[in-house]
């Protein structure tokens, strides 16, 4: 239990947290677009007022880390507004897949 508590304090990926870096450092346009896609969908589906948009945008963190398969990455989106983290495994840095992932995560969180 103590080890688990320590890993949770490190971040969503525990002892592997150091492997993740902000997507903003790799692709700032995609990171921006993912945050906006997530927030727009989440606000619409959750019933929160659009006036919360600016606040919600500040709570979304998008990070990239290595995945197990060579040439692939793990994409992670965390929203402290909704209180969740989701991962996309096997990501090959395709824009459409990342945006679809952000929208799916928002849709699931809004339920």
C-alpha atoms as a PDB file:
ATOM      1  CA  UNK A   1       0.000   0.000   0.000  1.00  0.00           C
ATOM      2  CA  UNK A   2       2.811   2.430   0.850  1.00  0.00           C
ATOM      3  CA  UNK A   3       4.489   1.868  -2.543  1.00  0.00           C
ATOM      4  CA  UNK A   4       1.187   2.451  -4.338  1.00  0.00           C
ATOM      5  CA  UNK A   5       0.601   5.693  -2.420  1.00  0.00           C
ATOM      6  CA  UNK A   6       4.100   6.910  -3.349  1.00  0.00           C
ATOM      7  CA  UNK A   7       3.586   6.071  -7.032  1.00  0.00           C
ATOM      8  CA  UNK A   8       0.258   7.891  -7.091  1.00  0.00           C
ATOM      9  CA  UNK A   9       1.920  10.988  -5.646  1.00  0.00           C
ATOM     10  CA  UNK A  10       4.357  10.999  -8.589  1.00  0.00           C
ATOM     11  CA  UNK A  11       1.593  11.397 -11.161  1.00  0.00           C
ATOM     12  CA  UNK A  12      -0.763   9.258 -13.251  1.00  0.00           C
ATOM     13  CA  UNK A  13       2.061   6.979 -14.390  1.00  0.00           C
ATOM     14  CA  UNK A  14       3.690   6.500 -11.010  1.00  0.00           C
ATOM     15  CA  UNK A  15       7.376   5.604 -11.231  1.00  0.00           C
ATOM     16  CA  UNK A  16       7.226   6.011 -15.023  1.00  0.00           C
ATOM     17  CA  UNK A  17       6.025   9.612 -14.799  1.00  0.00           C
ATOM     18  CA  UNK A  18       9.470  10.905 -15.727  1.00  0.00           C
ATOM     19  CA  UNK A  19       9.060   9.287 -19.178  1.00  0.00           C
ATOM     20  CA  UNK A  20       6.192  11.619 -20.083  1.00  0.00           C
ATOM     21  CA  UNK A  21       6.639  15.140 -21.346  1.00  0.00           C
ATOM     22  CA  UNK A  22       4.128  17.763 -22.383  1.00  0.00           C
ATOM     23  CA  UNK A  23       2.908  17.284 -25.945  1.00  0.00           C
ATOM     24  CA  UNK A  24       3.289  21.048 -26.179  1.00  0.00           C
ATOM     25  CA  UNK A  25       7.083  20.503 -26.375  1.00  0.00           C
ATOM     26  CA  UNK A  26       6.723  18.093 -29.317  1.00  0.00           C
ATOM     27  CA  UNK A  27       3.754  19.509 -31.246  1.00  0.00           C
ATOM     28  CA  UNK A  28       2.281  22.681 -29.779  1.00  0.00           C
ATOM     29  CA  UNK A  29      -0.452  22.961 -32.421  1.00  0.00           C
ATOM     30  CA  UNK A  30      -1.699  19.416 -31.794  1.00  0.00           C
ATOM     31  CA  UNK A  31      -1.584  19.913 -28.024  1.00  0.00           C
ATOM     32  CA  UNK A  32      -3.639  23.097 -28.369  1.00  0.00           C
ATOM     33  CA  UNK A  33      -6.139  21.421 -30.683  1.00  0.00           C
ATOM     34  CA  UNK A  34      -6.502  18.377 -28.410  1.00  0.00           C
ATOM     35  CA  UNK A  35      -7.198  20.536 -25.359  1.00  0.00           C
ATOM     36  CA  UNK A  36      -9.808  22.511 -27.260  1.00  0.00           C
ATOM     37  CA  UNK A  37     -11.432  19.407 -28.758  1.00  0.00           C
ATOM     38  CA  UNK A  38     -11.637  17.809 -25.307  1.00  0.00           C
ATOM     39  CA  UNK A  39     -13.097  20.890 -23.615  1.00  0.00           C
ATOM     40  CA  UNK A  40     -15.609  21.729 -26.335  1.00  0.00           C
ATOM     41  CA  UNK A  41     -16.964  18.176 -26.396  1.00  0.00           C
ATOM     42  CA  UNK A  42     -16.905  17.799 -22.622  1.00  0.00           C
ATOM     43  CA  UNK A  43     -18.750  21.059 -21.979  1.00  0.00           C
ATOM     44  CA  UNK A  44     -21.387  20.260 -24.594  1.00  0.00           C
ATOM     45  CA  UNK A  45     -22.027  16.702 -23.384  1.00  0.00           C
ATOM     46  CA  UNK A  46     -21.772  17.348 -19.646  1.00  0.00           C
ATOM     47  CA  UNK A  47     -24.143  20.276 -19.540  1.00  0.00           C
ATOM     48  CA  UNK A  48     -21.622  22.675 -18.026  1.00  0.00           C
ATOM     49  CA  UNK A  49     -22.146  26.217 -19.273  1.00  0.00           C
ATOM     50  CA  UNK A  50     -19.905  27.464 -22.106  1.00  0.00           C
ATOM     51  CA  UNK A  51     -18.817  30.259 -19.772  1.00  0.00           C
ATOM     52  CA  UNK A  52     -16.593  27.670 -18.037  1.00  0.00           C
ATOM     53  CA  UNK A  53     -14.567  27.095 -21.249  1.00  0.00           C
ATOM     54  CA  UNK A  54     -11.519  29.193 -20.304  1.00  0.00           C
ATOM     55  CA  UNK A  55     -11.365  27.624 -16.859  1.00  0.00           C
ATOM     56  CA  UNK A  56     -11.741  24.098 -18.238  1.00  0.00           C
ATOM     57  CA  UNK A  57      -8.951  24.639 -20.781  1.00  0.00           C
ATOM     58  CA  UNK A  58      -6.478  25.345 -17.994  1.00  0.00           C
ATOM     59  CA  UNK A  59      -7.227  21.964 -16.412  1.00  0.00           C
ATOM     60  CA  UNK A  60      -6.331  19.792 -19.421  1.00  0.00           C
ATOM     61  CA  UNK A  61      -2.826  18.342 -19.620  1.00  0.00           C
ATOM     62  CA  UNK A  62      -1.717  16.372 -22.686  1.00  0.00           C
ATOM     63  CA  UNK A  63       1.518  14.360 -22.496  1.00  0.00           C
ATOM     64  CA  UNK A  64       3.463  11.940 -24.631  1.00  0.00           C
ATOM     65  CA  UNK A  65       5.578   9.008 -23.510  1.00  0.00           C
ATOM     66  CA  UNK A  66       7.094   5.869 -24.980  1.00  0.00           C
ATOM     67  CA  UNK A  67       4.981   2.806 -25.592  1.00  0.00           C
ATOM     68  CA  UNK A  68       6.099  -0.825 -25.612  1.00  0.00           C
ATOM     69  CA  UNK A  69       6.137  -1.326 -29.383  1.00  0.00           C
ATOM     70  CA  UNK A  70       9.060   0.257 -31.245  1.00  0.00           C
ATOM     71  CA  UNK A  71       8.101   3.441 -33.080  1.00  0.00           C
ATOM     72  CA  UNK A  72       4.952   4.002 -31.054  1.00  0.00           C
ATOM     73  CA  UNK A  73       4.066   6.358 -28.259  1.00  0.00           C
ATOM     74  CA  UNK A  74       1.578   6.573 -25.465  1.00  0.00           C
ATOM     75  CA  UNK A  75      -0.580   9.677 -25.467  1.00  0.00           C
ATOM     76  CA  UNK A  76      -2.111  10.768 -22.182  1.00  0.00           C
ATOM     77  CA  UNK A  77      -4.809  13.320 -21.459  1.00  0.00           C
ATOM     78  CA  UNK A  78      -5.596  14.407 -17.913  1.00  0.00           C
ATOM     79  CA  UNK A  79      -8.340  16.769 -16.856  1.00  0.00           C
ATOM     80  CA  UNK A  80      -8.349  17.939 -13.292  1.00  0.00           C
ATOM     81  CA  UNK A  81     -11.745  19.502 -14.023  1.00  0.00           C
ATOM     82  CA  UNK A  82     -13.277  16.078 -14.664  1.00  0.00           C
ATOM     83  CA  UNK A  83     -10.751  14.322 -12.417  1.00  0.00           C
ATOM     84  CA  UNK A  84      -9.584  11.704 -14.899  1.00  0.00           C
ATOM     85  CA  UNK A  85      -6.671  10.465 -16.956  1.00  0.00           C
ATOM     86  CA  UNK A  86      -6.938   8.459 -20.168  1.00  0.00           C
ATOM     87  CA  UNK A  87      -4.258   6.848 -22.331  1.00  0.00           C
ATOM     88  CA  UNK A  88      -3.973   6.079 -26.025  1.00  0.00           C
ATOM     89  CA  UNK A  89      -1.525   3.219 -26.539  1.00  0.00           C
ATOM     90  CA  UNK A  90       0.275   2.473 -29.795  1.00  0.00           C
ATOM     91  CA  UNK A  91      -0.029   6.033 -31.063  1.00  0.00           C
ATOM     92  CA  UNK A  92       2.066   6.706 -34.159  1.00  0.00           C
ATOM     93  CA  UNK A  93       1.791  10.476 -33.980  1.00  0.00           C
ATOM     94  CA  UNK A  94      -1.111  10.758 -36.377  1.00  0.00           C
ATOM     95  CA  UNK A  95      -3.125  13.921 -35.847  1.00  0.00           C
ATOM     96  CA  UNK A  96      -6.556  12.436 -36.599  1.00  0.00           C
ATOM     97  CA  UNK A  97      -6.088   9.616 -34.078  1.00  0.00           C
ATOM     98  CA  UNK A  98      -5.053  12.083 -31.377  1.00  0.00           C
ATOM     99  CA  UNK A  99      -8.043  14.350 -31.958  1.00  0.00           C
ATOM    100  CA  UNK A 100     -10.419  11.387 -32.041  1.00  0.00           C
ATOM    101  CA  UNK A 101      -8.892  10.184 -28.768  1.00  0.00           C
ATOM    102  CA  UNK A 102      -9.464  13.605 -27.138  1.00  0.00           C
ATOM    103  CA  UNK A 103     -13.073  13.618 -28.277  1.00  0.00           C
ATOM    104  CA  UNK A 104     -13.726  10.045 -27.091  1.00  0.00           C
ATOM    105  CA  UNK A 105     -12.169  10.796 -23.706  1.00  0.00           C
ATOM    106  CA  UNK A 106     -14.343  13.900 -23.333  1.00  0.00           C
ATOM    107  CA  UNK A 107     -17.439  11.997 -24.344  1.00  0.00           C
ATOM    108  CA  UNK A 108     -16.776   9.266 -21.785  1.00  0.00           C
ATOM    109  CA  UNK A 109     -16.018  11.786 -19.051  1.00  0.00           C
ATOM    110  CA  UNK A 110     -19.201  13.734 -19.705  1.00  0.00           C
ATOM    111  CA  UNK A 111     -21.364  10.702 -18.904  1.00  0.00           C
END
